[in-house]
Amino acid sequence: MRIPILQKAFATARFAENAPVKRNHRIGIPRVLNQWSTHRFWTTFFVELGVKRRDVIYSSETSEAQQLKYGKGRGAVDCCYPVKCMTGHYGELLTGLKRPIDILFSPIILTVPSILQGNVRENMACPRVIAGPESTCAGFRRESDVFDELGIAYVSPAVSLAEPPIAKKQLYDAFKDIFEGITPKEVANAVDCAYAALNDFNTDLRKRSLEILASCAAENRPCILALGRPYHMDTGLGHTIESELQSFGYPILWGQYLPLDQPVLDWLYTDLIASGRIRNAFDISDIWKTSHSANTNEILWAARYGSLMPWVTCVVRFSSYECGMDQPTYSPVQAITESLGTLFFVFQDLDETKPAGSVRIRVETIAYYLERKSPDIMKKKLQALQAAPPEVILQ
């Protein structure tokens, strides 16, 4: 069973709940970086403000053709490939659509909502991700202002998504001069609906993940846990590695969408909590003291979840380059993953180079070890948990 994480669901949203004033704007949003985990928030936000659902347009997934056609000559100097790719997305929205947009919206997301909120020091986005919209915009204003020439408003507010009251004010300030007659109450209602929609989306994907685990338990077969940043779900950045793995018959779970059902958490973490090592299932203070980055924190948390879950017999780590946020995590994530024998593989430095041959060889290697090692790994992990799996898994 495959989880269609975002490829089909990316830009969808439910109909507006508050019968808003209709606004005839076409809004383009780059499909980049933390949009891969927050897109449902933004789509719903604009729909609730009266923008037609079909007029909230996302750029396509990252591709070499997109970069060559729309981003050539616009790039900023940056060692982070996902940030470099933003120029292609901006260019596509500015000049590559049949119907032009009125607004290019590229928020500077400062903090990210997280399941670990309250158990970590902070939920900050990566500094390069934060700076990405500014450096990319500069490339389209270097020689002349492309936005002005095309009559497109560029809106790029700093938004603290992990702090709803602050986010409401930030977004009202960003649109009070763009959307005629907009009020703080209207924005606050739209933000509340957007958070609810994002929560529903995350809950739905976690439910699908639980169905995969239940299927694996029933058939006594393994699955793979993918650890990476949200943008690694973009086929142009993740190089479709997860699809290659699934072609061998191994379901993929993404660390961002692991099941959070209380019986499952109790089953996995009771011993750790009883020993006093952690306070609750979302406490990572024993394995990660410097818990400031939201995505990094969740990678560490998901690594432990995967190390305990019997049917997760392999963890695959994705990273685009050895940035300051990821570099210190490689050894801890590997040590946590392998603590009960779970297989661990890494795809590092994923960039514009697409070595299809070597990727295929590595995927075949992973599949080979999964076939040989998985039965013993599942047996060992089930014995370590001692208690029987909860009913939500044995359904």
Protein backbone atom coordinates (compact mmCIF):
# COMPACT_ATOMS: atom_id res chain seq x y z
CA MET A 1 0.00 0.00 0.00
CA ARG A 2 1.43 3.32 -1.09
CA ILE A 3 0.86 6.63 0.69
CA PRO A 4 0.26 9.27 -2.01
CA ILE A 5 1.83 11.86 0.25
CA LEU A 6 1.40 15.10 -1.65
CA GLN A 7 1.61 14.54 -5.38
CA LYS A 8 -2.18 14.32 -5.76
CA ALA A 9 -3.29 16.14 -2.63
CA PHE A 10 -0.92 19.09 -2.72
CA ALA A 11 -3.15 22.00 -3.72
CA THR A 12 -6.57 20.71 -2.71
CA ALA A 13 -8.69 22.27 0.01
CA ARG A 14 -12.26 22.04 1.23
CA PHE A 15 -14.81 24.70 0.36
CA ALA A 16 -14.85 27.89 2.43
CA GLU A 17 -16.74 27.63 5.72
CA ASN A 18 -17.39 31.30 6.41
CA ALA A 19 -19.05 32.55 3.17
CA PRO A 20 -16.30 35.12 2.62
CA VAL A 21 -16.35 38.17 0.36
CA LYS A 22 -15.39 36.98 -3.14
CA ARG A 23 -11.96 38.18 -4.23
CA ASN A 24 -10.86 37.92 -7.84
CA HIS A 25 -7.17 37.34 -7.30
CA ARG A 26 -4.95 34.66 -8.80
CA ILE A 27 -2.24 33.68 -6.35
CA GLY A 28 0.88 31.75 -7.27
CA ILE A 29 2.79 29.84 -4.59
CA PRO A 30 6.18 28.17 -5.18
CA ARG A 31 6.05 24.45 -4.38
CA VAL A 32 9.26 24.52 -2.37
CA LEU A 33 10.84 23.90 1.04
CA ASN A 34 8.35 23.91 3.94
CA GLN A 35 5.40 24.28 1.57
CA TRP A 36 5.65 20.50 1.36
CA SER A 37 4.40 20.22 4.94
CA THR A 38 2.27 23.39 5.24
CA HIS A 39 0.62 23.71 1.79
CA ARG A 40 -2.84 22.77 3.10
CA PHE A 41 -2.68 25.70 5.51
CA TRP A 42 -2.00 28.23 2.75
CA THR A 43 -4.55 26.88 0.29
CA THR A 44 -7.28 26.93 2.93
CA PHE A 45 -6.24 30.38 4.17
CA PHE A 46 -6.77 31.95 0.74
CA VAL A 47 -9.99 30.04 0.06
CA GLU A 48 -11.38 31.29 3.37
CA LEU A 49 -10.50 34.83 2.33
CA GLY A 50 -12.68 34.49 -0.76
CA VAL A 51 -10.14 33.43 -3.41
CA LYS A 52 -11.47 30.69 -5.72
CA ARG A 53 -9.83 27.34 -5.13
CA ARG A 54 -8.76 27.10 -8.77
CA ASP A 55 -7.06 30.49 -8.45
CA VAL A 56 -4.57 29.29 -5.83
CA ILE A 57 -1.86 27.93 -8.11
CA TYR A 58 1.25 26.03 -7.11
CA SER A 59 4.26 25.63 -9.33
CA SER A 60 5.03 22.14 -10.59
CA GLU A 61 7.45 19.77 -8.88
CA THR A 62 11.13 20.54 -9.25
CA SER A 63 12.74 19.43 -12.50
CA GLU A 64 15.83 20.17 -14.55
CA ALA A 65 13.64 21.44 -17.39
CA GLN A 66 11.90 23.86 -15.05
CA GLN A 67 15.20 25.24 -13.83
CA LEU A 68 16.67 25.64 -17.32
CA LYS A 69 13.57 27.28 -18.79
CA TYR A 70 12.51 29.58 -15.98
CA GLY A 71 15.41 29.95 -13.56
CA LYS A 72 18.46 30.34 -15.79
CA GLY A 73 20.46 33.45 -14.92
CA ARG A 74 18.40 34.16 -11.82
CA GLY A 75 20.12 31.95 -9.28
CA ALA A 76 21.59 33.18 -6.02
CA VAL A 77 24.84 31.74 -4.72
CA ASP A 78 23.81 29.06 -2.25
CA CYS A 79 25.20 25.68 -1.31
CA CYS A 80 21.69 24.34 -0.55
CA TYR A 81 20.27 22.76 -3.70
CA PRO A 82 16.59 22.97 -2.59
CA VAL A 83 17.05 26.74 -2.13
CA LYS A 84 18.77 27.05 -5.52
CA CYS A 85 15.78 25.39 -7.15
CA MET A 86 13.46 28.14 -5.99
CA THR A 87 14.37 30.30 -9.00
CA GLY A 88 12.77 27.81 -11.39
CA HIS A 89 9.56 27.82 -9.36
CA TYR A 90 9.42 31.63 -9.23
CA GLY A 91 10.09 31.87 -12.96
CA GLU A 92 7.42 29.32 -13.82
CA LEU A 93 4.79 31.22 -11.84
CA LEU A 94 5.84 34.56 -13.30
CA THR A 95 6.07 33.65 -16.99
CA GLY A 96 5.06 30.02 -17.47
CA LEU A 97 1.31 30.04 -16.85
CA LYS A 98 -1.38 30.39 -19.51
CA ARG A 99 -3.36 32.68 -17.23
CA PRO A 100 -1.10 35.11 -15.36
CA ILE A 101 -1.19 35.48 -11.61
CA ASP A 102 -1.82 38.71 -9.69
CA ILE A 103 0.21 37.83 -6.62
CA LEU A 104 3.29 35.70 -6.07
CA PHE A 105 3.08 34.59 -2.46
CA SER A 106 6.26 33.19 -0.92
CA PRO A 107 6.12 33.31 2.89
CA ILE A 108 9.24 33.45 5.02
CA ILE A 109 8.26 30.68 7.44
CA LEU A 110 10.11 31.34 10.70
CA THR A 111 8.65 28.58 12.85
CA VAL A 112 6.82 25.38 11.88
CA PRO A 113 3.94 23.63 13.68
CA SER A 114 5.23 20.40 15.19
CA ILE A 115 3.96 17.41 17.13
CA LEU A 116 6.90 18.02 19.47
CA GLN A 117 5.83 21.54 20.40
CA GLY A 118 6.14 21.99 24.16
CA ASN A 119 8.74 19.21 24.43
CA VAL A 120 11.59 20.94 22.59
CA ARG A 121 13.42 24.24 22.88
CA GLU A 122 12.07 25.76 19.66
CA ASN A 123 10.40 24.93 16.35
CA MET A 124 12.50 27.07 14.02
CA ALA A 125 12.81 26.56 10.30
CA CYS A 126 16.28 26.12 8.80
CA PRO A 127 18.09 29.51 8.44
CA ARG A 128 18.72 28.90 4.73
CA VAL A 129 15.06 28.04 4.23
CA ILE A 130 14.11 31.25 6.03
CA ALA A 131 16.39 33.28 3.78
CA GLY A 132 15.36 31.45 0.59
CA PRO A 133 12.52 33.77 -0.52
CA GLU A 134 14.66 36.89 -0.10
CA SER A 135 17.66 35.56 -2.02
CA THR A 136 15.44 34.16 -4.78
CA CYS A 137 13.46 37.38 -5.14
CA ALA A 138 16.74 39.29 -5.54
CA GLY A 139 17.50 37.28 -8.66
CA PHE A 140 14.35 38.66 -10.31
CA ARG A 141 15.18 42.24 -9.35
CA ARG A 142 18.88 42.23 -10.14
CA GLU A 143 18.81 44.00 -13.52
CA SER A 144 15.20 45.12 -13.58
CA ASP A 145 12.16 44.45 -11.40
CA VAL A 146 10.38 41.59 -13.14
CA PHE A 147 7.47 41.79 -10.72
CA ASP A 148 6.78 45.43 -11.60
CA GLU A 149 7.21 44.79 -15.31
CA LEU A 150 4.60 42.01 -15.21
CA GLY A 151 2.27 43.84 -12.82
CA ILE A 152 2.53 41.07 -10.23
CA ALA A 153 2.57 41.88 -6.52
CA TYR A 154 5.26 40.07 -4.57
CA VAL A 155 4.07 39.23 -1.05
CA SER A 156 6.60 37.58 1.26
CA PRO A 157 5.73 38.10 4.93
CA ALA A 158 7.65 36.58 7.82
CA VAL A 159 5.21 34.15 9.46
CA SER A 160 5.57 32.29 12.77
CA LEU A 161 3.36 29.31 12.01
CA ALA A 162 4.11 27.65 15.34
CA GLU A 163 2.53 30.65 17.11
CA PRO A 164 -1.04 31.20 15.82
CA PRO A 165 -1.76 34.55 17.52
CA ILE A 166 1.42 36.03 16.01
CA ALA A 167 0.73 34.45 12.62
CA LYS A 168 -2.69 36.11 12.51
CA LYS A 169 -1.20 39.56 12.98
CA GLN A 170 1.61 38.91 10.52
CA LEU A 171 -0.79 37.78 7.81
CA TYR A 172 -3.21 40.65 8.38
CA ASP A 173 -0.35 43.12 8.05
CA ALA A 174 0.74 41.38 4.84
CA PHE A 175 -2.68 41.59 3.13
CA LYS A 176 -4.40 44.65 4.56
CA ASP A 177 -3.22 46.74 1.61
CA ILE A 178 -3.70 43.94 -0.94
CA PHE A 179 -7.22 42.64 -0.24
CA GLU A 180 -9.64 45.56 -0.15
CA GLY A 181 -11.74 45.80 2.99
CA ILE A 182 -10.06 42.93 4.78
CA THR A 183 -10.38 42.95 8.58
CA PRO A 184 -8.32 41.42 11.39
CA LYS A 185 -11.30 39.25 12.34
CA GLU A 186 -11.62 37.94 8.79
CA VAL A 187 -7.92 37.00 8.73
CA ALA A 188 -8.13 35.43 12.19
CA ASN A 189 -11.07 33.24 11.10
CA ALA A 190 -9.24 32.24 7.92
CA VAL A 191 -6.13 31.31 9.92
CA ASP A 192 -8.19 29.21 12.35
CA CYS A 193 -9.75 27.31 9.45
CA ALA A 194 -6.32 26.89 7.86
CA TYR A 195 -4.86 25.31 11.00
CA ALA A 196 -7.87 22.99 11.24
CA ALA A 197 -7.44 21.94 7.60
CA LEU A 198 -3.72 21.30 8.10
CA ASN A 199 -4.48 19.20 11.17
CA ASP A 200 -7.11 17.21 9.24
CA PHE A 201 -4.64 16.59 6.42
CA ASN A 202 -1.92 15.39 8.81
CA THR A 203 -4.42 13.20 10.67
CA ASP A 204 -5.56 11.59 7.44
CA LEU A 205 -2.00 10.71 6.39
CA ARG A 206 -1.23 9.32 9.84
CA LYS A 207 -4.34 7.16 9.52
CA ARG A 208 -3.02 5.84 6.20
CA SER A 209 0.32 5.09 7.85
CA LEU A 210 -1.47 3.12 10.56
CA GLU A 211 -3.27 1.12 7.87
CA ILE A 212 0.10 0.24 6.36
CA LEU A 213 1.44 -0.92 9.73
CA ALA A 214 -1.70 -2.94 10.33
CA SER A 215 -1.29 -4.58 6.92
CA CYS A 216 2.36 -5.37 7.68
CA ALA A 217 1.42 -6.85 11.06
CA ALA A 218 -1.30 -9.01 9.54
CA GLU A 219 1.01 -10.32 6.81
CA ASN A 220 4.20 -10.31 8.90
CA ARG A 221 6.04 -8.25 6.29
CA PRO A 222 8.37 -5.27 6.64
CA CYS A 223 8.10 -1.64 5.63
CA ILE A 224 10.60 1.20 5.26
CA LEU A 225 10.74 4.48 7.15
CA ALA A 226 11.93 7.50 5.15
CA LEU A 227 13.62 10.25 7.13
CA GLY A 228 14.21 13.59 5.49
CA ARG A 229 12.99 17.13 5.24
CA PRO A 230 9.53 17.81 3.79
CA TYR A 231 10.95 18.85 0.41
CA HIS A 232 12.45 15.39 -0.14
CA MET A 233 8.90 14.33 -1.08
CA ASP A 234 9.43 16.45 -4.20
CA THR A 235 10.40 13.95 -6.90
CA GLY A 236 12.92 16.43 -8.32
CA LEU A 237 14.76 16.63 -4.99
CA GLY A 238 14.23 13.08 -3.70
CA HIS A 239 15.03 11.59 -7.15
CA THR A 240 11.99 9.26 -6.81
CA ILE A 241 14.06 6.99 -4.56
CA GLU A 242 11.05 6.16 -2.40
CA SER A 243 9.13 5.07 -5.53
CA GLU A 244 12.07 2.87 -6.53
CA LEU A 245 11.99 1.21 -3.12
CA GLN A 246 8.24 0.66 -3.27
CA SER A 247 8.64 -1.01 -6.65
CA PHE A 248 10.27 -3.89 -4.75
CA GLY A 249 7.09 -4.32 -2.73
CA TYR A 250 8.12 -2.49 0.45
CA PRO A 251 5.65 0.14 1.68
CA ILE A 252 7.11 3.53 2.65
CA LEU A 253 6.26 5.50 5.78
CA TRP A 254 7.44 9.11 6.03
CA GLY A 255 8.68 10.30 9.41
CA GLN A 256 6.43 13.36 9.22
CA TYR A 257 3.29 11.19 9.18
CA LEU A 258 3.85 8.34 11.63
CA PRO A 259 0.74 7.22 13.56
CA LEU A 260 0.15 9.01 16.86
CA ASP A 261 -2.69 6.85 18.19
CA GLN A 262 -2.35 6.70 21.98
CA PRO A 263 -2.42 2.87 22.21
CA VAL A 264 0.49 2.71 19.73
CA LEU A 265 2.50 5.31 21.65
CA ASP A 266 1.80 3.55 24.96
CA TRP A 267 2.96 0.25 23.47
CA LEU A 268 6.21 1.68 22.10
CA TYR A 269 7.22 4.06 24.90
CA THR A 270 5.87 2.66 28.19
CA ASP A 271 9.21 1.15 29.25
CA LEU A 272 11.18 4.30 28.41
CA ILE A 273 8.75 6.44 30.38
CA ALA A 274 8.61 4.03 33.33
CA SER A 275 12.41 4.01 33.55
CA GLY A 276 12.44 7.81 33.83
CA ARG A 277 14.45 8.24 30.66
CA ILE A 278 11.75 10.36 29.01
CA ARG A 279 8.68 12.20 30.32
CA ASN A 280 6.32 11.26 27.51
CA ALA A 281 6.30 9.82 23.99
CA PHE A 282 7.31 13.18 22.46
CA ASP A 283 10.26 13.86 24.74
CA ILE A 284 13.63 13.69 22.93
CA SER A 285 15.72 15.42 25.60
CA ASP A 286 17.70 12.25 26.27
CA ILE A 287 18.88 11.96 22.66
CA TRP A 288 18.90 15.55 21.37
CA LYS A 289 19.75 18.45 23.66
CA THR A 290 19.99 21.15 20.97
CA SER A 291 16.35 20.91 19.95
CA HIS A 292 15.81 24.22 18.13
CA SER A 293 15.12 23.13 14.54
CA ALA A 294 11.61 21.72 13.95
CA ASN A 295 12.52 19.41 11.07
CA THR A 296 15.69 18.17 12.76
CA ASN A 297 13.80 17.48 15.99
CA GLU A 298 11.21 15.41 14.16
CA ILE A 299 13.88 13.40 12.33
CA LEU A 300 15.39 12.40 15.70
CA TRP A 301 11.96 11.58 17.10
CA ALA A 302 10.97 9.53 14.06
CA ALA A 303 14.28 7.64 14.18
CA ARG A 304 13.46 6.38 17.67
CA TYR A 305 9.89 5.55 16.66
CA GLY A 306 11.24 3.52 13.75
CA SER A 307 13.82 1.79 15.94
CA LEU A 308 11.02 0.54 18.22
CA MET A 309 8.30 -0.30 15.68
CA PRO A 310 8.74 -4.02 14.80
CA TRP A 311 7.60 -3.83 11.17
CA VAL A 312 9.91 -0.95 10.35
CA THR A 313 12.97 -3.02 9.52
CA CYS A 314 14.81 -0.38 7.50
CA VAL A 315 15.30 3.38 7.81
CA VAL A 316 16.46 5.41 4.80
CA ARG A 317 17.83 8.89 5.50
CA PHE A 318 17.72 11.62 2.84
CA SER A 319 19.76 14.80 2.87
CA SER A 320 20.59 17.33 0.19
CA TYR A 321 23.89 18.55 1.54
CA GLU A 322 25.82 18.49 4.79
CA CYS A 323 24.29 21.64 6.23
CA GLY A 324 24.84 22.86 9.76
CA MET A 325 21.39 21.68 10.82
CA ASP A 326 21.81 18.11 9.55
CA GLN A 327 25.50 17.43 10.04
CA PRO A 328 25.41 16.76 13.83
CA THR A 329 22.45 14.41 13.46
CA TYR A 330 23.93 11.71 11.23
CA SER A 331 25.63 9.70 13.97
CA PRO A 332 22.82 9.99 16.56
CA VAL A 333 20.15 9.02 14.02
CA GLN A 334 22.16 5.98 12.91
CA ALA A 335 22.89 4.91 16.49
CA ILE A 336 19.22 5.23 17.49
CA THR A 337 18.01 3.38 14.40
CA GLU A 338 20.40 0.48 14.80
CA SER A 339 19.93 0.06 18.57
CA LEU A 340 17.60 -2.94 18.07
CA GLY A 341 19.02 -4.06 14.74
CA THR A 342 17.01 -1.95 12.28
CA LEU A 343 18.82 -1.52 8.96
CA PHE A 344 20.06 2.00 8.19
CA PHE A 345 20.94 3.50 4.82
CA VAL A 346 21.73 7.06 3.77
CA PHE A 347 21.35 9.00 0.52
CA GLN A 348 23.46 12.10 1.12
CA ASP A 349 24.23 15.14 -1.04
CA LEU A 350 21.14 14.78 -3.22
CA ASP A 351 21.48 17.59 -5.76
CA GLU A 352 21.02 18.21 -9.49
CA THR A 353 23.18 15.18 -10.29
CA LYS A 354 20.89 12.25 -11.05
CA PRO A 355 23.04 9.10 -11.01
CA ALA A 356 20.22 6.73 -11.98
CA GLY A 357 22.53 3.74 -12.24
CA SER A 358 24.11 4.08 -8.81
CA VAL A 359 20.73 4.87 -7.21
CA ARG A 360 19.30 1.71 -8.72
CA ILE A 361 22.23 -0.36 -7.43
CA ARG A 362 21.81 1.06 -3.92
CA VAL A 363 18.06 0.45 -3.99
CA GLU A 364 18.67 -3.16 -5.05
CA THR A 365 21.18 -3.50 -2.21
CA ILE A 366 18.62 -2.23 0.29
CA ALA A 367 16.01 -4.65 -1.06
CA TYR A 368 18.50 -7.52 -0.80
CA TYR A 369 19.23 -6.85 2.87
CA LEU A 370 15.55 -6.32 3.65
CA GLU A 371 14.69 -9.73 2.27
CA ARG A 372 17.46 -11.44 4.21
CA LYS A 373 17.33 -9.58 7.52
CA SER A 374 13.72 -8.49 8.05
CA PRO A 375 12.31 -11.69 9.63
CA ASP A 376 14.93 -11.70 12.40
CA ILE A 377 14.60 -7.93 12.96
CA MET A 378 10.82 -8.11 13.36
CA LYS A 379 11.11 -11.05 15.75
CA LYS A 380 13.76 -9.34 17.89
CA LYS A 381 11.83 -6.08 18.14
CA LEU A 382 8.57 -7.80 19.04
CA GLN A 383 10.37 -9.69 21.81
CA ALA A 384 11.90 -6.48 23.13
CA LEU A 385 8.47 -4.84 23.47
CA GLN A 386 7.18 -7.88 25.38
CA ALA A 387 3.53 -6.74 25.41
CA ALA A 388 1.27 -7.70 22.52
CA PRO A 389 0.59 -5.09 19.84
CA PRO A 390 -2.49 -2.92 20.44
CA GLU A 391 -5.82 -3.61 18.75
CA VAL A 392 -5.48 -0.58 16.45
CA ILE A 393 -2.61 -2.43 14.75
CA LEU A 394 -4.10 -5.92 14.98
CA GLN A 395 -7.33 -4.81 13.33
